[in-house]
Amino acid sequence: MPCEKIMYGSAVEAEKGRGKLEADAKRTGSIGKSWKRLNSYKCRWCSGWHIGRANSLPARKTVPTPAIPSTGQLRRKLKRITQKLDCERKHRAYQLGKLIEADLAAIRTENELAETQRQVAGMFLG
């Protein structure tokens, strides 16, 4: 049994039709503010798509504004950042110290090798 309402073939067509009805209602003001409640829905009797009014307005989805941090929060954040940077600096200094020690050990080993070679050369050529 076909409905007496205007039937649309798909949800997309019904949404386009709803958009046209809303635009016309806003432009002419013919139906007051009830255009805000227009919905497209699938009919359970004819399996077509129609446009009708909902009994209540859709819930507005408000995006919460981010809270402004307090001075205490900012101070604690600055303290955490400072501590993290201090730890990184200490770690870098430790790594540089190990690198310098390794370089000094290599230089000492090369000097010992050169001294040993001189001593050996002095023993045989001497």
C-alpha atoms as a PDB file:
ATOM      1  CA  MET A   1       0.000   0.000   0.000  1.00  0.00           C
ATOM      2  CA  PRO A   2       1.741   3.195  -1.128  1.00  0.00           C
ATOM      3  CA  CYS A   3       1.938   6.136   1.234  1.00  0.00           C
ATOM      4  CA  GLU A   4       0.398   9.492   0.432  1.00  0.00           C
ATOM      5  CA  LYS A   5       3.650  11.250   1.277  1.00  0.00           C
ATOM      6  CA  ILE A   6       6.326  12.163  -1.243  1.00  0.00           C
ATOM      7  CA  MET A   7       8.513   9.098  -1.705  1.00  0.00           C
ATOM      8  CA  TYR A   8      12.248   9.179  -2.351  1.00  0.00           C
ATOM      9  CA  GLY A   9      14.208   6.226  -3.704  1.00  0.00           C
ATOM     10  CA  SER A  10      17.175   6.393  -1.348  1.00  0.00           C
ATOM     11  CA  ALA A  11      18.430   8.034   1.807  1.00  0.00           C
ATOM     12  CA  VAL A  12      20.676  10.340  -0.231  1.00  0.00           C
ATOM     13  CA  GLU A  13      17.749  11.579  -2.316  1.00  0.00           C
ATOM     14  CA  ALA A  14      15.660  12.102   0.817  1.00  0.00           C
ATOM     15  CA  GLU A  15      18.467  14.112   2.441  1.00  0.00           C
ATOM     16  CA  LYS A  16      18.755  16.270  -0.678  1.00  0.00           C
ATOM     17  CA  GLY A  17      15.002  16.831  -0.611  1.00  0.00           C
ATOM     18  CA  ARG A  18      15.151  17.716   3.081  1.00  0.00           C
ATOM     19  CA  GLY A  19      17.922  20.209   2.359  1.00  0.00           C
ATOM     20  CA  LYS A  20      15.788  21.851  -0.335  1.00  0.00           C
ATOM     21  CA  LEU A  21      12.782  22.013   2.009  1.00  0.00           C
ATOM     22  CA  GLU A  22      14.895  23.566   4.777  1.00  0.00           C
ATOM     23  CA  ALA A  23      16.400  26.120   2.406  1.00  0.00           C
ATOM     24  CA  ASP A  24      12.939  27.050   1.108  1.00  0.00           C
ATOM     25  CA  ALA A  25      11.537  27.277   4.649  1.00  0.00           C
ATOM     26  CA  LYS A  26      14.401  29.500   5.786  1.00  0.00           C
ATOM     27  CA  ARG A  27      14.022  31.707   2.746  1.00  0.00           C
ATOM     28  CA  THR A  28      10.250  32.106   2.863  1.00  0.00           C
ATOM     29  CA  GLY A  29       9.572  31.554   6.563  1.00  0.00           C
ATOM     30  CA  SER A  30       6.446  29.630   5.582  1.00  0.00           C
ATOM     31  CA  ILE A  31       6.616  26.967   8.273  1.00  0.00           C
ATOM     32  CA  GLY A  32       8.173  29.012  11.063  1.00  0.00           C
ATOM     33  CA  LYS A  33      10.925  27.236  12.969  1.00  0.00           C
ATOM     34  CA  SER A  34       9.629  23.705  12.536  1.00  0.00           C
ATOM     35  CA  TRP A  35      12.075  23.150   9.667  1.00  0.00           C
ATOM     36  CA  LYS A  36      14.674  22.460  12.370  1.00  0.00           C
ATOM     37  CA  ARG A  37      12.955  19.172  13.198  1.00  0.00           C
ATOM     38  CA  LEU A  38      12.769  17.802   9.638  1.00  0.00           C
ATOM     39  CA  ASN A  39      14.132  14.264   9.315  1.00  0.00           C
ATOM     40  CA  SER A  40      14.409  11.752   6.529  1.00  0.00           C
ATOM     41  CA  TYR A  41      13.289   8.271   7.479  1.00  0.00           C
ATOM     42  CA  LYS A  42      12.552   4.878   5.937  1.00  0.00           C
ATOM     43  CA  CYS A  43       8.861   4.072   5.868  1.00  0.00           C
ATOM     44  CA  ARG A  44       7.922   0.726   7.370  1.00  0.00           C
ATOM     45  CA  TRP A  45       4.856   0.303   5.149  1.00  0.00           C
ATOM     46  CA  CYS A  46       6.093   1.184   1.664  1.00  0.00           C
ATOM     47  CA  SER A  47       9.865   0.751   2.196  1.00  0.00           C
ATOM     48  CA  GLY A  48      10.458   4.158   0.623  1.00  0.00           C
ATOM     49  CA  TRP A  49      12.117   7.209   2.119  1.00  0.00           C
ATOM     50  CA  HIS A  50      10.055  10.182   3.337  1.00  0.00           C
ATOM     51  CA  ILE A  51      10.619  13.507   5.047  1.00  0.00           C
ATOM     52  CA  GLY A  52       8.829  14.298   8.267  1.00  0.00           C
ATOM     53  CA  ARG A  53       9.146  16.177  11.535  1.00  0.00           C
ATOM     54  CA  ALA A  54      10.584  14.722  14.706  1.00  0.00           C
ATOM     55  CA  ASN A  55       8.812  15.439  17.959  1.00  0.00           C
ATOM     56  CA  SER A  56      11.917  16.858  19.570  1.00  0.00           C
ATOM     57  CA  LEU A  57      14.920  18.833  18.407  1.00  0.00           C
ATOM     58  CA  PRO A  58      18.100  16.848  17.861  1.00  0.00           C
ATOM     59  CA  ALA A  59      20.605  17.097  20.678  1.00  0.00           C
ATOM     60  CA  ARG A  60      23.207  19.736  19.989  1.00  0.00           C
ATOM     61  CA  LYS A  61      26.724  18.420  20.015  1.00  0.00           C
ATOM     62  CA  THR A  62      28.815  21.069  21.672  1.00  0.00           C
ATOM     63  CA  VAL A  63      32.546  20.816  21.538  1.00  0.00           C
ATOM     64  CA  PRO A  64      33.975  21.512  24.988  1.00  0.00           C
ATOM     65  CA  THR A  65      36.465  24.320  25.013  1.00  0.00           C
ATOM     66  CA  PRO A  66      39.833  23.338  26.415  1.00  0.00           C
ATOM     67  CA  ALA A  67      40.345  24.587  29.946  1.00  0.00           C
ATOM     68  CA  ILE A  68      42.974  27.235  30.521  1.00  0.00           C
ATOM     69  CA  PRO A  69      45.675  25.756  32.743  1.00  0.00           C
ATOM     70  CA  SER A  70      46.152  27.373  36.125  1.00  0.00           C
ATOM     71  CA  THR A  71      49.417  28.928  37.224  1.00  0.00           C
ATOM     72  CA  GLY A  72      50.071  25.944  39.501  1.00  0.00           C
ATOM     73  CA  GLN A  73      49.609  23.497  36.612  1.00  0.00           C
ATOM     74  CA  LEU A  74      51.920  25.553  34.413  1.00  0.00           C
ATOM     75  CA  ARG A  75      54.531  25.756  37.184  1.00  0.00           C
ATOM     76  CA  ARG A  76      54.416  21.967  37.725  1.00  0.00           C
ATOM     77  CA  LYS A  77      54.667  21.351  33.978  1.00  0.00           C
ATOM     78  CA  LEU A  78      57.674  23.679  33.757  1.00  0.00           C
ATOM     79  CA  LYS A  79      59.284  21.830  36.697  1.00  0.00           C
ATOM     80  CA  ARG A  80      58.740  18.451  34.965  1.00  0.00           C
ATOM     81  CA  ILE A  81      60.220  19.772  31.716  1.00  0.00           C
ATOM     82  CA  THR A  82      63.203  21.218  33.568  1.00  0.00           C
ATOM     83  CA  GLN A  83      63.812  17.933  35.417  1.00  0.00           C
ATOM     84  CA  LYS A  84      63.625  15.995  32.161  1.00  0.00           C
ATOM     85  CA  LEU A  85      66.107  18.349  30.490  1.00  0.00           C
ATOM     86  CA  ASP A  86      68.447  18.086  33.487  1.00  0.00           C
ATOM     87  CA  CYS A  87      68.335  14.284  33.295  1.00  0.00           C
ATOM     88  CA  GLU A  88      69.097  14.424  29.557  1.00  0.00           C
ATOM     89  CA  ARG A  89      72.004  16.818  30.141  1.00  0.00           C
ATOM     90  CA  LYS A  90      73.431  14.576  32.884  1.00  0.00           C
ATOM     91  CA  HIS A  91      73.136  11.537  30.613  1.00  0.00           C
ATOM     92  CA  ARG A  92      74.877  13.368  27.758  1.00  0.00           C
ATOM     93  CA  ALA A  93      77.661  14.485  30.098  1.00  0.00           C
ATOM     94  CA  TYR A  94      78.063  10.887  31.311  1.00  0.00           C
ATOM     95  CA  GLN A  95      78.206   9.595  27.720  1.00  0.00           C
ATOM     96  CA  LEU A  96      80.736  12.286  26.748  1.00  0.00           C
ATOM     97  CA  GLY A  97      82.816  11.385  29.790  1.00  0.00           C
ATOM     98  CA  LYS A  98      82.872   7.727  28.753  1.00  0.00           C
ATOM     99  CA  LEU A  99      83.825   8.736  25.196  1.00  0.00           C
ATOM    100  CA  ILE A 100      86.662  10.942  26.465  1.00  0.00           C
ATOM    101  CA  GLU A 101      87.912   8.132  28.724  1.00  0.00           C
ATOM    102  CA  ALA A 102      87.863   5.706  25.792  1.00  0.00           C
ATOM    103  CA  ASP A 103      89.788   8.201  23.624  1.00  0.00           C
ATOM    104  CA  LEU A 104      92.363   8.747  26.397  1.00  0.00           C
ATOM    105  CA  ALA A 105      92.769   5.000  26.839  1.00  0.00           C
ATOM    106  CA  ALA A 106      93.315   4.637  23.075  1.00  0.00           C
ATOM    107  CA  ILE A 107      95.908   7.441  23.127  1.00  0.00           C
ATOM    108  CA  ARG A 108      97.673   5.858  26.143  1.00  0.00           C
ATOM    109  CA  THR A 109      97.722   2.494  24.353  1.00  0.00           C
ATOM    110  CA  GLU A 110      99.174   4.084  21.207  1.00  0.00           C
ATOM    111  CA  ASN A 111     101.824   5.887  23.284  1.00  0.00           C
ATOM    112  CA  GLU A 112     102.702   2.647  25.083  1.00  0.00           C
ATOM    113  CA  LEU A 113     102.954   0.852  21.738  1.00  0.00           C
ATOM    114  CA  ALA A 114     105.214   3.582  20.340  1.00  0.00           C
ATOM    115  CA  GLU A 115     107.388   3.480  23.489  1.00  0.00           C
ATOM    116  CA  THR A 116     107.620  -0.313  23.308  1.00  0.00           C
ATOM    117  CA  GLN A 117     108.611  -0.105  19.648  1.00  0.00           C
ATOM    118  CA  ARG A 118     111.336   2.440  20.512  1.00  0.00           C
ATOM    119  CA  GLN A 119     112.645   0.234  23.279  1.00  0.00           C
ATOM    120  CA  VAL A 120     112.692  -2.803  21.011  1.00  0.00           C
ATOM    121  CA  ALA A 121     114.404  -0.800  18.265  1.00  0.00           C
ATOM    122  CA  GLY A 122     116.926   0.484  20.832  1.00  0.00           C
ATOM    123  CA  MET A 123     117.662  -3.047  21.997  1.00  0.00           C
ATOM    124  CA  PHE A 124     118.376  -4.370  18.524  1.00  0.00           C
ATOM    125  CA  LEU A 125     119.893  -1.262  16.964  1.00  0.00           C
ATOM    126  CA  GLY A 126     121.380   0.123  19.986  1.00  0.00           C
END
